[in-house]
Amino acid sequence: MANRQKILERWEFPHWQKQGITLVARSDARACVQRILNNGCRFYGYDAFRVDGESIQPFLEFSSDWSDKPVPSFEVIIGQLASHPNKITHYEFVFEDRQ
């Protein structure tokens, strides 16, 4: 099973690796969520971050975990992301291939 970074590389999706975290810019979040869902990946949730230079600040209050419950619809997930404050600049989407 490929890890998230390898999957994003295979998809040629914009991301970067920082301190062991695979980050997707907020501006690319919608497309990333759509790709995860369209590819039938197991989607466990996401963590929200603010990246400022070399500093990474997590915001657990703006993170979601669906590891033990059904994944919401695309519209619900995008609504959640859109409701986050502007201080959120990146997300780590937690998912894996079903292969």
PDB file of N, CA and C in Angstrom:
ATOM      1  N   MET A   1       0.833  -1.175   0.000  1.00  0.00           N
ATOM      2  CA  MET A   1       0.000   0.000   0.000  1.00  0.00           C
ATOM      3  C   MET A   1       0.886   1.249   0.000  1.00  0.00           C
ATOM      4  N   ALA A   2       0.651   2.146  -0.936  1.00  0.00           N
ATOM      5  CA  ALA A   2       1.463   3.362  -1.046  1.00  0.00           C
ATOM      6  C   ALA A   2       1.078   4.365   0.034  1.00  0.00           C
ATOM      7  N   ASN A   3       2.078   5.101   0.510  1.00  0.00           N
ATOM      8  CA  ASN A   3       1.766   6.151   1.480  1.00  0.00           C
ATOM      9  C   ASN A   3       1.249   7.383   0.738  1.00  0.00           C
ATOM     10  N   ARG A   4       0.722   8.339   1.493  1.00  0.00           N
ATOM     11  CA  ARG A   4       0.104   9.531   0.900  1.00  0.00           C
ATOM     12  C   ARG A   4       1.055  10.282  -0.020  1.00  0.00           C
ATOM     13  N   GLN A   5       2.279  10.457   0.395  1.00  0.00           N
ATOM     14  CA  GLN A   5       3.227  11.191  -0.443  1.00  0.00           C
ATOM     15  C   GLN A   5       3.409  10.492  -1.786  1.00  0.00           C
ATOM     16  N   LYS A   6       3.575   9.187  -1.773  1.00  0.00           N
ATOM     17  CA  LYS A   6       3.773   8.443  -3.016  1.00  0.00           C
ATOM     18  C   LYS A   6       2.533   8.508  -3.905  1.00  0.00           C
ATOM     19  N   ILE A   7       1.345   8.456  -3.301  1.00  0.00           N
ATOM     20  CA  ILE A   7       0.115   8.564  -4.085  1.00  0.00           C
ATOM     21  C   ILE A   7       0.029   9.938  -4.737  1.00  0.00           C
ATOM     22  N   LEU A   8       0.282  10.990  -3.974  1.00  0.00           N
ATOM     23  CA  LEU A   8       0.237  12.343  -4.535  1.00  0.00           C
ATOM     24  C   LEU A   8       1.280  12.521  -5.630  1.00  0.00           C
ATOM     25  N   GLU A   9       2.444  11.919  -5.466  1.00  0.00           N
ATOM     26  CA  GLU A   9       3.468  11.969  -6.517  1.00  0.00           C
ATOM     27  C   GLU A   9       2.979  11.246  -7.762  1.00  0.00           C
ATOM     28  N   ARG A  10       2.377  10.082  -7.588  1.00  0.00           N
ATOM     29  CA  ARG A  10       1.856   9.311  -8.726  1.00  0.00           C
ATOM     30  C   ARG A  10       0.782  10.113  -9.462  1.00  0.00           C
ATOM     31  N   TRP A  11      -0.041  10.825  -8.709  1.00  0.00           N
ATOM     32  CA  TRP A  11      -1.087  11.664  -9.301  1.00  0.00           C
ATOM     33  C   TRP A  11      -0.531  12.969  -9.869  1.00  0.00           C
ATOM     34  N   GLU A  12       0.750  13.246  -9.604  1.00  0.00           N
ATOM     35  CA  GLU A  12       1.370  14.519  -9.970  1.00  0.00           C
ATOM     36  C   GLU A  12       0.582  15.682  -9.371  1.00  0.00           C
ATOM     37  N   PHE A  13       0.194  15.500  -8.107  1.00  0.00           N
ATOM     38  CA  PHE A  13      -0.593  16.507  -7.396  1.00  0.00           C
ATOM     39  C   PHE A  13       0.334  17.393  -6.562  1.00  0.00           C
ATOM     40  N   PRO A  14       0.148  18.705  -6.588  1.00  0.00           N
ATOM     41  CA  PRO A  14       1.039  19.605  -5.832  1.00  0.00           C
ATOM     42  C   PRO A  14       0.973  19.352  -4.325  1.00  0.00           C
ATOM     43  N   HIS A  15       2.106  19.147  -3.728  1.00  0.00           N
ATOM     44  CA  HIS A  15       2.215  18.913  -2.283  1.00  0.00           C
ATOM     45  C   HIS A  15       3.673  19.100  -1.889  1.00  0.00           C
ATOM     46  N   TRP A  16       3.923  19.091  -0.607  1.00  0.00           N
ATOM     47  CA  TRP A  16       5.305  19.068  -0.129  1.00  0.00           C
ATOM     48  C   TRP A  16       5.355  18.393   1.222  1.00  0.00           C
ATOM     49  N   GLN A  17       6.516  17.861   1.498  1.00  0.00           N
ATOM     50  CA  GLN A  17       6.775  17.113   2.718  1.00  0.00           C
ATOM     51  C   GLN A  17       7.556  18.002   3.673  1.00  0.00           C
ATOM     52  N   LYS A  18       7.063  18.134   4.889  1.00  0.00           N
ATOM     53  CA  LYS A  18       7.724  18.989   5.884  1.00  0.00           C
ATOM     54  C   LYS A  18       7.608  18.309   7.232  1.00  0.00           C
ATOM     55  N   GLN A  19       8.715  18.054   7.866  1.00  0.00           N
ATOM     56  CA  GLN A  19       8.755  17.464   9.203  1.00  0.00           C
ATOM     57  C   GLN A  19       7.876  16.214   9.303  1.00  0.00           C
ATOM     58  N   GLY A  20       7.907  15.384   8.262  1.00  0.00           N
ATOM     59  CA  GLY A  20       7.152  14.139   8.263  1.00  0.00           C
ATOM     60  C   GLY A  20       5.670  14.295   7.958  1.00  0.00           C
ATOM     61  N   ILE A  21       5.251  15.492   7.568  1.00  0.00           N
ATOM     62  CA  ILE A  21       3.855  15.764   7.262  1.00  0.00           C
ATOM     63  C   ILE A  21       3.746  16.026   5.762  1.00  0.00           C
ATOM     64  N   THR A  22       2.763  15.422   5.106  1.00  0.00           N
ATOM     65  CA  THR A  22       2.526  15.640   3.688  1.00  0.00           C
ATOM     66  C   THR A  22       1.460  16.714   3.551  1.00  0.00           C
ATOM     67  N   LEU A  23       1.870  17.901   3.111  1.00  0.00           N
ATOM     68  CA  LEU A  23       0.994  19.070   3.100  1.00  0.00           C
ATOM     69  C   LEU A  23       0.489  19.416   1.709  1.00  0.00           C
ATOM     70  N   VAL A  24      -0.795  19.772   1.676  1.00  0.00           N
ATOM     71  CA  VAL A  24      -1.441  20.276   0.461  1.00  0.00           C
ATOM     72  C   VAL A  24      -1.895  21.693   0.775  1.00  0.00           C
ATOM     73  N   ALA A  25      -1.575  22.632  -0.101  1.00  0.00           N
ATOM     74  CA  ALA A  25      -1.983  24.019   0.105  1.00  0.00           C
ATOM     75  C   ALA A  25      -3.502  24.124   0.130  1.00  0.00           C
ATOM     76  N   ARG A  26      -3.997  25.042   0.923  1.00  0.00           N
ATOM     77  CA  ARG A  26      -5.444  25.249   1.019  1.00  0.00           C
ATOM     78  C   ARG A  26      -6.053  25.504  -0.362  1.00  0.00           C
ATOM     79  N   SER A  27      -5.356  26.212  -1.208  1.00  0.00           N
ATOM     80  CA  SER A  27      -5.874  26.511  -2.545  1.00  0.00           C
ATOM     81  C   SER A  27      -6.044  25.256  -3.402  1.00  0.00           C
ATOM     82  N   ASP A  28      -5.363  24.164  -3.051  1.00  0.00           N
ATOM     83  CA  ASP A  28      -5.470  22.896  -3.783  1.00  0.00           C
ATOM     84  C   ASP A  28      -6.336  21.871  -3.053  1.00  0.00           C
ATOM     85  N   ALA A  29      -6.882  22.239  -1.907  1.00  0.00           N
ATOM     86  CA  ALA A  29      -7.600  21.284  -1.064  1.00  0.00           C
ATOM     87  C   ALA A  29      -8.826  20.700  -1.755  1.00  0.00           C
ATOM     88  N   ARG A  30      -9.617  21.537  -2.403  1.00  0.00           N
ATOM     89  CA  ARG A  30     -10.828  21.066  -3.068  1.00  0.00           C
ATOM     90  C   ARG A  30     -10.495  19.996  -4.107  1.00  0.00           C
ATOM     91  N   ALA A  31      -9.522  20.274  -4.955  1.00  0.00           N
ATOM     92  CA  ALA A  31      -9.126  19.317  -5.992  1.00  0.00           C
ATOM     93  C   ALA A  31      -8.573  18.035  -5.382  1.00  0.00           C
ATOM     94  N   CYS A  32      -7.853  18.150  -4.278  1.00  0.00           N
ATOM     95  CA  CYS A  32      -7.284  16.967  -3.623  1.00  0.00           C
ATOM     96  C   CYS A  32      -8.387  16.088  -3.042  1.00  0.00           C
ATOM     97  N   VAL A  33      -9.335  16.691  -2.353  1.00  0.00           N
ATOM     98  CA  VAL A  33     -10.453  15.923  -1.787  1.00  0.00           C
ATOM     99  C   VAL A  33     -11.214  15.218  -2.905  1.00  0.00           C
ATOM    100  N   GLN A  34     -11.466  15.934  -3.977  1.00  0.00           N
ATOM    101  CA  GLN A  34     -12.184  15.335  -5.104  1.00  0.00           C
ATOM    102  C   GLN A  34     -11.420  14.152  -5.683  1.00  0.00           C
ATOM    103  N   ARG A  35     -10.110  14.291  -5.797  1.00  0.00           N
ATOM    104  CA  ARG A  35      -9.284  13.208  -6.344  1.00  0.00           C
ATOM    105  C   ARG A  35      -9.292  11.996  -5.412  1.00  0.00           C
ATOM    106  N   ILE A  36      -9.187  12.240  -4.115  1.00  0.00           N
ATOM    107  CA  ILE A  36      -9.213  11.147  -3.131  1.00  0.00           C
ATOM    108  C   ILE A  36     -10.528  10.382  -3.243  1.00  0.00           C
ATOM    109  N   LEU A  37     -11.634  11.105  -3.261  1.00  0.00           N
ATOM    110  CA  LEU A  37     -12.948  10.454  -3.324  1.00  0.00           C
ATOM    111  C   LEU A  37     -13.172   9.774  -4.669  1.00  0.00           C
ATOM    112  N   ASN A  38     -12.793  10.426  -5.757  1.00  0.00           N
ATOM    113  CA  ASN A  38     -13.000   9.843  -7.093  1.00  0.00           C
ATOM    114  C   ASN A  38     -12.172   8.588  -7.323  1.00  0.00           C
ATOM    115  N   ASN A  39     -11.034   8.483  -6.642  1.00  0.00           N
ATOM    116  CA  ASN A  39     -10.166   7.307  -6.798  1.00  0.00           C
ATOM    117  C   ASN A  39     -10.516   6.183  -5.833  1.00  0.00           C
ATOM    118  N   GLY A  40     -11.555   6.364  -5.045  1.00  0.00           N
ATOM    119  CA  GLY A  40     -11.994   5.305  -4.141  1.00  0.00           C
ATOM    120  C   GLY A  40     -11.027   5.003  -3.017  1.00  0.00           C
ATOM    121  N   CYS A  41     -10.229   5.989  -2.639  1.00  0.00           N
ATOM    122  CA  CYS A  41      -9.280   5.796  -1.542  1.00  0.00           C
ATOM    123  C   CYS A  41     -10.023   5.696  -0.214  1.00  0.00           C
ATOM    124  N   ARG A  42      -9.404   5.052   0.732  1.00  0.00           N
ATOM    125  CA  ARG A  42      -9.902   5.096   2.114  1.00  0.00           C
ATOM    126  C   ARG A  42      -9.522   6.461   2.657  1.00  0.00           C
ATOM    127  N   PHE A  43     -10.515   7.249   3.039  1.00  0.00           N
ATOM    128  CA  PHE A  43     -10.305   8.626   3.486  1.00  0.00           C
ATOM    129  C   PHE A  43     -10.620   8.669   4.974  1.00  0.00           C
ATOM    130  N   TYR A  44      -9.602   8.914   5.785  1.00  0.00           N
ATOM    131  CA  TYR A  44      -9.751   8.860   7.235  1.00  0.00           C
ATOM    132  C   TYR A  44      -9.973  10.231   7.876  1.00  0.00           C
ATOM    133  N   GLY A  45      -9.651  11.315   7.148  1.00  0.00           N
ATOM    134  CA  GLY A  45      -9.832  12.638   7.718  1.00  0.00           C
ATOM    135  C   GLY A  45      -8.740  13.582   7.278  1.00  0.00           C
ATOM    136  N   TYR A  46      -8.624  14.672   7.998  1.00  0.00           N
ATOM    137  CA  TYR A  46      -7.601  15.666   7.669  1.00  0.00           C
ATOM    138  C   TYR A  46      -7.179  16.424   8.920  1.00  0.00           C
ATOM    139  N   ASP A  47      -5.997  17.002   8.839  1.00  0.00           N
ATOM    140  CA  ASP A  47      -5.477  17.881   9.880  1.00  0.00           C
ATOM    141  C   ASP A  47      -5.190  19.227   9.236  1.00  0.00           C
ATOM    142  N   ALA A  48      -5.459  20.292   9.974  1.00  0.00           N
ATOM    143  CA  ALA A  48      -5.282  21.652   9.471  1.00  0.00           C
ATOM    144  C   ALA A  48      -4.008  22.269  10.060  1.00  0.00           C
ATOM    145  N   PHE A  49      -3.325  23.065   9.242  1.00  0.00           N
ATOM    146  CA  PHE A  49      -2.060  23.670   9.650  1.00  0.00           C
ATOM    147  C   PHE A  49      -1.948  25.103   9.132  1.00  0.00           C
ATOM    148  N   ARG A  50      -1.117  25.844   9.815  1.00  0.00           N
ATOM    149  CA  ARG A  50      -0.650  27.134   9.311  1.00  0.00           C
ATOM    150  C   ARG A  50       0.851  26.972   9.090  1.00  0.00           C
ATOM    151  N   VAL A  51       1.283  27.238   7.880  1.00  0.00           N
ATOM    152  CA  VAL A  51       2.698  27.183   7.551  1.00  0.00           C
ATOM    153  C   VAL A  51       3.167  28.614   7.351  1.00  0.00           C
ATOM    154  N   ASP A  52       4.227  28.963   8.079  1.00  0.00           N
ATOM    155  CA  ASP A  52       4.794  30.306   7.996  1.00  0.00           C
ATOM    156  C   ASP A  52       6.307  30.154   7.984  1.00  0.00           C
ATOM    157  N   GLY A  53       6.887  30.185   6.792  1.00  0.00           N
ATOM    158  CA  GLY A  53       8.323  29.961   6.667  1.00  0.00           C
ATOM    159  C   GLY A  53       8.666  28.541   7.083  1.00  0.00           C
ATOM    160  N   GLU A  54       9.524  28.407   8.074  1.00  0.00           N
ATOM    161  CA  GLU A  54       9.913  27.091   8.580  1.00  0.00           C
ATOM    162  C   GLU A  54       8.995  26.590   9.693  1.00  0.00           C
ATOM    163  N   SER A  55       8.065  27.410  10.120  1.00  0.00           N
ATOM    164  CA  SER A  55       7.173  27.070  11.229  1.00  0.00           C
ATOM    165  C   SER A  55       5.887  26.412  10.740  1.00  0.00           C
ATOM    166  N   ILE A  56       5.505  25.332  11.415  1.00  0.00           N
ATOM    167  CA  ILE A  56       4.244  24.653  11.125  1.00  0.00           C
ATOM    168  C   ILE A  56       3.444  24.609  12.423  1.00  0.00           C
ATOM    169  N   GLN A  57       2.240  25.171  12.382  1.00  0.00           N
ATOM    170  CA  GLN A  57       1.368  25.207  13.560  1.00  0.00           C
ATOM    171  C   GLN A  57       0.111  24.390  13.270  1.00  0.00           C
ATOM    172  N   PRO A  58      -0.098  23.263  13.999  1.00  0.00           N
ATOM    173  CA  PRO A  58      -1.333  22.506  13.799  1.00  0.00           C
ATOM    174  C   PRO A  58      -2.506  23.181  14.504  1.00  0.00           C
ATOM    175  N   PHE A  59      -3.690  22.981  13.970  1.00  0.00           N
ATOM    176  CA  PHE A  59      -4.928  23.468  14.573  1.00  0.00           C
ATOM    177  C   PHE A  59      -5.888  22.295  14.674  1.00  0.00           C
ATOM    178  N   LEU A  60      -5.794  21.566  15.777  1.00  0.00           N
ATOM    179  CA  LEU A  60      -6.605  20.363  15.950  1.00  0.00           C
ATOM    180  C   LEU A  60      -8.091  20.654  15.964  1.00  0.00           C
ATOM    181  N   GLU A  61      -8.481  21.858  16.373  1.00  0.00           N
ATOM    182  CA  GLU A  61      -9.905  22.193  16.413  1.00  0.00           C
ATOM    183  C   GLU A  61     -10.509  22.303  15.008  1.00  0.00           C
ATOM    184  N   PHE A  62      -9.664  22.375  13.976  1.00  0.00           N
ATOM    185  CA  PHE A  62     -10.136  22.425  12.596  1.00  0.00           C
ATOM    186  C   PHE A  62      -9.733  21.161  11.836  1.00  0.00           C
ATOM    187  N   SER A  63      -9.625  20.057  12.551  1.00  0.00           N
ATOM    188  CA  SER A  63      -9.296  18.769  11.952  1.00  0.00           C
ATOM    189  C   SER A  63     -10.500  17.842  12.083  1.00  0.00           C
ATOM    190  N   SER A  64     -10.576  16.845  11.211  1.00  0.00           N
ATOM    191  CA  SER A  64     -11.673  15.870  11.255  1.00  0.00           C
ATOM    192  C   SER A  64     -11.116  14.464  11.165  1.00  0.00           C
ATOM    193  N   ASP A  65     -11.793  13.539  11.849  1.00  0.00           N
ATOM    194  CA  ASP A  65     -11.384  12.134  11.873  1.00  0.00           C
ATOM    195  C   ASP A  65     -12.610  11.266  11.604  1.00  0.00           C
ATOM    196  N   TRP A  66     -12.572  10.513  10.493  1.00  0.00           N
ATOM    197  CA  TRP A  66     -13.666   9.619  10.139  1.00  0.00           C
ATOM    198  C   TRP A  66     -13.226   8.160  10.187  1.00  0.00           C
ATOM    199  N   SER A  67     -12.183   7.862  10.925  1.00  0.00           N
ATOM    200  CA  SER A  67     -11.659   6.493  10.945  1.00  0.00           C
ATOM    201  C   SER A  67     -12.666   5.495  11.503  1.00  0.00           C
ATOM    202  N   ASP A  68     -13.606   5.956  12.328  1.00  0.00           N
ATOM    203  CA  ASP A  68     -14.584   5.034  12.909  1.00  0.00           C
ATOM    204  C   ASP A  68     -16.021   5.406  12.551  1.00  0.00           C
ATOM    205  N   LYS A  69     -16.193   6.204  11.493  1.00  0.00           N
ATOM    206  CA  LYS A  69     -17.539   6.577  11.045  1.00  0.00           C
ATOM    207  C   LYS A  69     -17.516   6.847   9.545  1.00  0.00           C
ATOM    208  N   PRO A  70     -18.676   6.931   8.926  1.00  0.00           N
ATOM    209  CA  PRO A  70     -18.717   7.141   7.473  1.00  0.00           C
ATOM    210  C   PRO A  70     -18.110   8.483   7.059  1.00  0.00           C
ATOM    211  N   VAL A  71     -17.504   8.474   5.900  1.00  0.00           N
ATOM    212  CA  VAL A  71     -16.924   9.695   5.342  1.00  0.00           C
ATOM    213  C   VAL A  71     -18.069  10.568   4.838  1.00  0.00           C
ATOM    214  N   PRO A  72     -18.069  11.848   5.194  1.00  0.00           N
ATOM    215  CA  PRO A  72     -19.114  12.751   4.698  1.00  0.00           C
ATOM    216  C   PRO A  72     -19.024  12.915   3.175  1.00  0.00           C
ATOM    217  N   SER A  73     -20.043  13.512   2.609  1.00  0.00           N
ATOM    218  CA  SER A  73     -20.061  13.769   1.169  1.00  0.00           C
ATOM    219  C   SER A  73     -19.016  14.832   0.811  1.00  0.00           C
ATOM    220  N   PHE A  74     -18.700  14.900  -0.466  1.00  0.00           N
ATOM    221  CA  PHE A  74     -17.771  15.906  -0.970  1.00  0.00           C
ATOM    222  C   PHE A  74     -18.227  17.304  -0.559  1.00  0.00           C
ATOM    223  N   GLU A  75     -19.505  17.585  -0.714  1.00  0.00           N
ATOM    224  CA  GLU A  75     -20.039  18.908  -0.394  1.00  0.00           C
ATOM    225  C   GLU A  75     -19.858  19.247   1.084  1.00  0.00           C
ATOM    226  N   VAL A  76     -20.079  18.280   1.956  1.00  0.00           N
ATOM    227  CA  VAL A  76     -19.916  18.511   3.398  1.00  0.00           C
ATOM    228  C   VAL A  76     -18.450  18.784   3.726  1.00  0.00           C
ATOM    229  N   ILE A  77     -17.555  17.985   3.174  1.00  0.00           N
ATOM    230  CA  ILE A  77     -16.123  18.176   3.442  1.00  0.00           C
ATOM    231  C   ILE A  77     -15.673  19.553   2.951  1.00  0.00           C
ATOM    232  N   ILE A  78     -16.056  19.918   1.744  1.00  0.00           N
ATOM    233  CA  ILE A  78     -15.666  21.219   1.195  1.00  0.00           C
ATOM    234  C   ILE A  78     -16.273  22.344   2.012  1.00  0.00           C
ATOM    235  N   GLY A  79     -17.482  22.162   2.497  1.00  0.00           N
ATOM    236  CA  GLY A  79     -18.101  23.152   3.376  1.00  0.00           C
ATOM    237  C   GLY A  79     -17.317  23.330   4.665  1.00  0.00           C
ATOM    238  N   GLN A  80     -16.833  22.208   5.225  1.00  0.00           N
ATOM    239  CA  GLN A  80     -16.009  22.286   6.431  1.00  0.00           C
ATOM    240  C   GLN A  80     -14.749  23.108   6.158  1.00  0.00           C
ATOM    241  N   LEU A  81     -14.060  22.773   5.073  1.00  0.00           N
ATOM    242  CA  LEU A  81     -12.811  23.465   4.749  1.00  0.00           C
ATOM    243  C   LEU A  81     -13.061  24.952   4.504  1.00  0.00           C
ATOM    244  N   ALA A  82     -14.138  25.269   3.815  1.00  0.00           N
ATOM    245  CA  ALA A  82     -14.454  26.674   3.513  1.00  0.00           C
ATOM    246  C   ALA A  82     -14.768  27.471   4.772  1.00  0.00           C
ATOM    247  N   SER A  83     -15.251  26.792   5.806  1.00  0.00           N
ATOM    248  CA  SER A  83     -15.611  27.483   7.045  1.00  0.00           C
ATOM    249  C   SER A  83     -14.410  27.790   7.940  1.00  0.00           C
ATOM    250  N   HIS A  84     -13.252  27.232   7.612  1.00  0.00           N
ATOM    251  CA  HIS A  84     -12.072  27.442   8.439  1.00  0.00           C
ATOM    252  C   HIS A  84     -11.544  28.868   8.279  1.00  0.00           C
ATOM    253  N   PRO A  85     -10.962  29.405   9.340  1.00  0.00           N
ATOM    254  CA  PRO A  85     -10.418  30.764   9.256  1.00  0.00           C
ATOM    255  C   PRO A  85      -9.234  30.838   8.296  1.00  0.00           C
ATOM    256  N   ASN A  86      -8.947  32.033   7.841  1.00  0.00           N
ATOM    257  CA  ASN A  86      -7.866  32.249   6.875  1.00  0.00           C
ATOM    258  C   ASN A  86      -6.487  31.874   7.403  1.00  0.00           C
ATOM    259  N   LYS A  87      -6.339  31.748   8.726  1.00  0.00           N
ATOM    260  CA  LYS A  87      -5.034  31.369   9.273  1.00  0.00           C
ATOM    261  C   LYS A  87      -4.631  29.951   8.861  1.00  0.00           C
ATOM    262  N   ILE A  88      -5.597  29.138   8.443  1.00  0.00           N
ATOM    263  CA  ILE A  88      -5.292  27.790   7.950  1.00  0.00           C
ATOM    264  C   ILE A  88      -4.765  27.929   6.528  1.00  0.00           C
ATOM    265  N   THR A  89      -3.531  27.469   6.307  1.00  0.00           N
ATOM    266  CA  THR A  89      -2.909  27.603   4.988  1.00  0.00           C
ATOM    267  C   THR A  89      -2.712  26.267   4.275  1.00  0.00           C
ATOM    268  N   HIS A  90      -2.699  25.155   5.034  1.00  0.00           N
ATOM    269  CA  HIS A  90      -2.419  23.843   4.468  1.00  0.00           C
ATOM    270  C   HIS A  90      -3.207  22.759   5.204  1.00  0.00           C
ATOM    271  N   TYR A  91      -3.340  21.628   4.529  1.00  0.00           N
ATOM    272  CA  TYR A  91      -3.974  20.454   5.131  1.00  0.00           C
ATOM    273  C   TYR A  91      -3.117  19.225   4.883  1.00  0.00           C
ATOM    274  N   GLU A  92      -3.211  18.304   5.821  1.00  0.00           N
ATOM    275  CA  GLU A  92      -2.694  16.960   5.581  1.00  0.00           C
ATOM    276  C   GLU A  92      -3.914  16.063   5.497  1.00  0.00           C
ATOM    277  N   PHE A  93      -4.155  15.515   4.328  1.00  0.00           N
ATOM    278  CA  PHE A  93      -5.271  14.602   4.134  1.00  0.00           C
ATOM    279  C   PHE A  93      -4.791  13.197   4.440  1.00  0.00           C
ATOM    280  N   VAL A  94      -5.522  12.506   5.282  1.00  0.00           N
ATOM    281  CA  VAL A  94      -5.135  11.168   5.732  1.00  0.00           C
ATOM    282  C   VAL A  94      -5.954  10.151   4.936  1.00  0.00           C
ATOM    283  N   PHE A  95      -5.281   9.437   4.042  1.00  0.00           N
ATOM    284  CA  PHE A  95      -5.959   8.486   3.165  1.00  0.00           C
ATOM    285  C   PHE A  95      -4.966   7.435   2.706  1.00  0.00           C
ATOM    286  N   GLU A  96      -5.504   6.388   2.086  1.00  0.00           N
ATOM    287  CA  GLU A  96      -4.651   5.346   1.514  1.00  0.00           C
ATOM    288  C   GLU A  96      -5.387   4.699   0.343  1.00  0.00           C
ATOM    289  N   ASP A  97      -4.605   4.097  -0.548  1.00  0.00           N
ATOM    290  CA  ASP A  97      -5.173   3.327  -1.643  1.00  0.00           C
ATOM    291  C   ASP A  97      -5.935   2.140  -1.096  1.00  0.00           C
ATOM    292  N   ARG A  98      -6.915   1.693  -1.807  1.00  0.00           N
ATOM    293  CA  ARG A  98      -7.632   0.466  -1.430  1.00  0.00           C
ATOM    294  C   ARG A  98      -6.927  -0.768  -1.990  1.00  0.00           C
ATOM    295  N   GLN A  99      -5.900  -0.561  -2.780  1.00  0.00           N
ATOM    296  CA  GLN A  99      -5.173  -1.663  -3.406  1.00  0.00           C
ATOM    297  C   GLN A  99      -4.394  -2.464  -2.412  1.00  0.00           C
TER     298      GLN A  99
END
